[in-house]
Amino acid sequence: MSKYAVEQRRLTYRGREFHFVSYEGQPANPRRSQPATEAAWWLMSAGKRWEVMPYRSGQAEQEIDRLLTEWLETHVFQSQSESGE
């Protein structure tokens, strides 16, 4: 059985640097009432993390960067424009 390798991506977008990390999925834990999770990309910032999108093994770097940038545009920058920033 192969061990999951964490991947990291750093993107500079709109003059800001963003750090994304992939985490492997986890099986469900019924004793703790925790559902199973899939492998995913997470945005890391200020000691917190936010789930971004599913992780797909073998996905091209250009495709990952495009999808991460689309997520930033929708969830980070659109939110700022709506709040008047």
N, C-alpha and C. Protein backbone atom coordinates (compact mmCIF):
# COMPACT_ATOMS: atom_id res chain seq x y z
N MET A 1 0.85 -1.17 0.00
CA MET A 1 0.00 0.00 0.00
C MET A 1 0.90 1.25 0.00
N SER A 2 0.63 2.18 -0.90
CA SER A 2 1.45 3.38 -0.96
C SER A 2 0.97 4.41 0.05
N LYS A 3 1.91 5.17 0.55
CA LYS A 3 1.58 6.20 1.53
C LYS A 3 1.20 7.48 0.80
N TYR A 4 0.19 8.18 1.31
CA TYR A 4 -0.26 9.44 0.73
C TYR A 4 0.84 10.48 0.86
N ALA A 5 1.12 11.20 -0.21
CA ALA A 5 2.12 12.27 -0.19
C ALA A 5 1.40 13.62 -0.21
N VAL A 6 1.61 14.40 0.82
CA VAL A 6 1.01 15.73 0.89
C VAL A 6 1.62 16.59 -0.21
N GLU A 7 0.78 17.36 -0.90
CA GLU A 7 1.25 18.29 -1.92
C GLU A 7 0.95 19.71 -1.46
N GLN A 8 1.77 20.64 -1.92
CA GLN A 8 1.57 22.05 -1.58
C GLN A 8 1.65 22.88 -2.85
N ARG A 9 0.87 23.94 -2.90
CA ARG A 9 0.89 24.89 -4.02
C ARG A 9 0.90 26.29 -3.42
N ARG A 10 1.74 27.12 -3.96
CA ARG A 10 1.75 28.55 -3.57
C ARG A 10 1.40 29.33 -4.84
N LEU A 11 0.35 30.12 -4.75
CA LEU A 11 -0.10 30.92 -5.89
C LEU A 11 -0.04 32.39 -5.52
N THR A 12 0.45 33.19 -6.45
CA THR A 12 0.36 34.63 -6.30
C THR A 12 -0.76 35.08 -7.21
N TYR A 13 -1.76 35.71 -6.63
CA TYR A 13 -2.94 36.13 -7.39
C TYR A 13 -3.39 37.48 -6.86
N ARG A 14 -3.59 38.42 -7.75
CA ARG A 14 -3.98 39.79 -7.39
C ARG A 14 -3.04 40.40 -6.35
N GLY A 15 -1.76 40.09 -6.52
CA GLY A 15 -0.75 40.68 -5.65
C GLY A 15 -0.61 40.05 -4.28
N ARG A 16 -1.31 38.97 -4.03
CA ARG A 16 -1.25 38.29 -2.73
C ARG A 16 -0.79 36.86 -2.94
N GLU A 17 -0.08 36.32 -1.96
CA GLU A 17 0.34 34.92 -2.03
C GLU A 17 -0.61 34.06 -1.22
N PHE A 18 -0.99 32.93 -1.78
CA PHE A 18 -1.89 31.98 -1.13
C PHE A 18 -1.21 30.63 -1.06
N HIS A 19 -1.40 29.95 0.07
CA HIS A 19 -0.77 28.65 0.31
C HIS A 19 -1.86 27.59 0.42
N PHE A 20 -1.76 26.58 -0.44
CA PHE A 20 -2.73 25.48 -0.45
C PHE A 20 -2.00 24.18 -0.13
N VAL A 21 -2.65 23.30 0.63
CA VAL A 21 -2.08 22.02 1.01
C VAL A 21 -3.13 20.94 0.77
N SER A 22 -2.68 19.79 0.26
CA SER A 22 -3.60 18.66 0.09
C SER A 22 -3.53 17.77 1.32
N TYR A 23 -4.68 17.28 1.73
CA TYR A 23 -4.77 16.34 2.84
C TYR A 23 -5.51 15.11 2.37
N GLU A 24 -5.06 13.94 2.84
CA GLU A 24 -5.75 12.72 2.46
C GLU A 24 -7.09 12.60 3.17
N GLY A 25 -7.97 11.83 2.61
CA GLY A 25 -9.27 11.59 3.23
C GLY A 25 -9.13 10.70 4.45
N GLN A 26 -10.15 10.67 5.26
CA GLN A 26 -10.16 9.87 6.48
C GLN A 26 -11.40 8.98 6.49
N PRO A 27 -11.26 7.75 6.97
CA PRO A 27 -12.44 6.89 7.08
C PRO A 27 -13.38 7.41 8.17
N ALA A 28 -14.61 7.01 8.10
CA ALA A 28 -15.59 7.41 9.11
C ALA A 28 -15.19 6.84 10.47
N ASN A 29 -15.58 7.55 11.51
CA ASN A 29 -15.35 7.08 12.88
C ASN A 29 -16.69 7.16 13.62
N PRO A 30 -17.46 6.07 13.56
CA PRO A 30 -18.79 6.08 14.17
C PRO A 30 -18.78 6.35 15.68
N ARG A 31 -17.72 5.94 16.37
CA ARG A 31 -17.66 6.18 17.82
C ARG A 31 -17.60 7.67 18.15
N ARG A 32 -17.05 8.45 17.24
CA ARG A 32 -16.98 9.90 17.45
C ARG A 32 -17.98 10.66 16.59
N SER A 33 -18.84 9.93 15.93
CA SER A 33 -19.84 10.51 15.03
C SER A 33 -19.21 11.38 13.95
N GLN A 34 -18.07 10.92 13.43
CA GLN A 34 -17.38 11.65 12.37
C GLN A 34 -17.57 10.92 11.04
N PRO A 35 -18.07 11.63 10.03
CA PRO A 35 -18.25 11.00 8.72
C PRO A 35 -16.91 10.84 8.00
N ALA A 36 -16.88 10.00 7.00
CA ALA A 36 -15.68 9.85 6.17
C ALA A 36 -15.45 11.14 5.39
N THR A 37 -14.20 11.43 5.10
CA THR A 37 -13.87 12.60 4.29
C THR A 37 -13.03 12.16 3.10
N GLU A 38 -13.13 12.93 2.02
CA GLU A 38 -12.33 12.66 0.82
C GLU A 38 -11.05 13.49 0.87
N ALA A 39 -10.05 13.07 0.11
CA ALA A 39 -8.84 13.87 -0.02
C ALA A 39 -9.23 15.22 -0.63
N ALA A 40 -8.60 16.30 -0.14
CA ALA A 40 -9.00 17.63 -0.59
C ALA A 40 -7.83 18.61 -0.52
N TRP A 41 -7.97 19.69 -1.28
CA TRP A 41 -7.08 20.84 -1.19
C TRP A 41 -7.65 21.80 -0.17
N TRP A 42 -6.78 22.39 0.66
CA TRP A 42 -7.18 23.33 1.69
C TRP A 42 -6.36 24.60 1.56
N LEU A 43 -6.99 25.75 1.78
CA LEU A 43 -6.30 27.02 1.85
C LEU A 43 -5.83 27.21 3.28
N MET A 44 -4.54 27.53 3.45
CA MET A 44 -3.95 27.75 4.76
C MET A 44 -3.71 29.25 4.94
N SER A 45 -4.18 29.80 6.06
CA SER A 45 -3.96 31.22 6.31
C SER A 45 -4.19 31.52 7.79
N ALA A 46 -3.26 32.25 8.38
CA ALA A 46 -3.38 32.72 9.77
C ALA A 46 -3.70 31.59 10.75
N GLY A 47 -3.06 30.43 10.56
CA GLY A 47 -3.27 29.33 11.47
C GLY A 47 -4.59 28.61 11.32
N LYS A 48 -5.32 28.91 10.25
CA LYS A 48 -6.61 28.26 9.98
C LYS A 48 -6.54 27.62 8.60
N ARG A 49 -7.53 26.78 8.31
CA ARG A 49 -7.62 26.18 6.97
C ARG A 49 -9.07 26.10 6.54
N TRP A 50 -9.25 26.23 5.22
CA TRP A 50 -10.57 26.17 4.61
C TRP A 50 -10.53 25.18 3.47
N GLU A 51 -11.50 24.26 3.43
CA GLU A 51 -11.54 23.28 2.36
C GLU A 51 -11.90 23.97 1.05
N VAL A 52 -11.15 23.64 0.00
CA VAL A 52 -11.31 24.31 -1.29
C VAL A 52 -11.97 23.40 -2.32
N MET A 53 -11.37 22.24 -2.58
CA MET A 53 -11.88 21.36 -3.63
C MET A 53 -11.31 19.97 -3.43
N PRO A 54 -11.92 18.97 -4.07
CA PRO A 54 -11.39 17.61 -3.97
C PRO A 54 -9.99 17.50 -4.56
N TYR A 55 -9.18 16.63 -3.96
CA TYR A 55 -7.85 16.33 -4.47
C TYR A 55 -7.97 15.17 -5.44
N ARG A 56 -7.37 15.31 -6.61
CA ARG A 56 -7.38 14.24 -7.61
C ARG A 56 -5.94 13.88 -7.96
N SER A 57 -5.53 12.66 -7.65
CA SER A 57 -4.18 12.21 -7.94
C SER A 57 -3.90 12.28 -9.44
N GLY A 58 -2.72 12.78 -9.80
CA GLY A 58 -2.33 12.83 -11.20
C GLY A 58 -2.85 14.03 -11.97
N GLN A 59 -3.58 14.92 -11.32
CA GLN A 59 -4.12 16.10 -11.99
C GLN A 59 -2.97 17.04 -12.38
N ALA A 60 -3.02 17.59 -13.58
CA ALA A 60 -1.97 18.48 -14.08
C ALA A 60 -1.86 19.74 -13.22
N GLU A 61 -0.63 20.20 -12.99
CA GLU A 61 -0.41 21.40 -12.17
C GLU A 61 -1.14 22.61 -12.71
N GLN A 62 -1.16 22.77 -14.03
CA GLN A 62 -1.85 23.92 -14.62
C GLN A 62 -3.35 23.88 -14.32
N GLU A 63 -3.92 22.70 -14.34
CA GLU A 63 -5.34 22.54 -14.04
C GLU A 63 -5.61 22.84 -12.57
N ILE A 64 -4.74 22.36 -11.69
CA ILE A 64 -4.89 22.64 -10.25
C ILE A 64 -4.84 24.14 -10.02
N ASP A 65 -3.83 24.81 -10.60
CA ASP A 65 -3.70 26.25 -10.42
C ASP A 65 -4.91 27.00 -10.95
N ARG A 66 -5.44 26.58 -12.08
CA ARG A 66 -6.63 27.22 -12.64
C ARG A 66 -7.82 27.07 -11.70
N LEU A 67 -8.04 25.88 -11.20
CA LEU A 67 -9.17 25.64 -10.30
C LEU A 67 -9.01 26.37 -8.97
N LEU A 68 -7.79 26.40 -8.44
CA LEU A 68 -7.56 27.13 -7.19
C LEU A 68 -7.78 28.63 -7.40
N THR A 69 -7.34 29.16 -8.54
CA THR A 69 -7.54 30.57 -8.85
C THR A 69 -9.03 30.89 -8.99
N GLU A 70 -9.78 30.02 -9.64
CA GLU A 70 -11.24 30.22 -9.75
C GLU A 70 -11.88 30.23 -8.37
N TRP A 71 -11.42 29.35 -7.48
CA TRP A 71 -11.97 29.31 -6.13
C TRP A 71 -11.67 30.62 -5.40
N LEU A 72 -10.43 31.10 -5.52
CA LEU A 72 -10.07 32.37 -4.90
C LEU A 72 -10.96 33.50 -5.39
N GLU A 73 -11.16 33.56 -6.70
CA GLU A 73 -11.97 34.63 -7.28
C GLU A 73 -13.39 34.59 -6.71
N THR A 74 -13.95 33.40 -6.61
CA THR A 74 -15.33 33.25 -6.14
C THR A 74 -15.47 33.44 -4.63
N HIS A 75 -14.56 32.85 -3.85
CA HIS A 75 -14.74 32.82 -2.40
C HIS A 75 -13.97 33.87 -1.62
N VAL A 76 -12.92 34.41 -2.20
CA VAL A 76 -12.13 35.41 -1.48
C VAL A 76 -12.40 36.80 -2.04
N PHE A 77 -12.20 36.96 -3.33
CA PHE A 77 -12.29 38.31 -3.90
C PHE A 77 -13.71 38.77 -4.13
N GLN A 78 -14.61 37.89 -4.49
CA GLN A 78 -16.01 38.29 -4.65
C GLN A 78 -16.59 38.68 -3.30
N SER A 79 -16.20 37.98 -2.25
CA SER A 79 -16.67 38.30 -0.89
C SER A 79 -16.19 39.70 -0.48
N GLN A 80 -14.95 40.04 -0.84
CA GLN A 80 -14.42 41.35 -0.50
C GLN A 80 -15.14 42.45 -1.24
N SER A 81 -15.46 42.24 -2.52
CA SER A 81 -16.15 43.28 -3.28
C SER A 81 -17.58 43.47 -2.77
N GLU A 82 -18.20 42.40 -2.29
CA GLU A 82 -19.57 42.52 -1.74
C GLU A 82 -19.57 43.26 -0.41
N SER A 83 -18.46 43.15 0.34
CA SER A 83 -18.41 43.82 1.64
C SER A 83 -17.85 45.24 1.54
N GLY A 84 -17.54 45.67 0.31
CA GLY A 84 -17.08 47.03 0.10
C GLY A 84 -15.59 47.23 0.28
N GLU A 85 -14.81 46.16 0.38
CA GLU A 85 -13.36 46.29 0.55
C GLU A 85 -12.69 46.55 -0.78
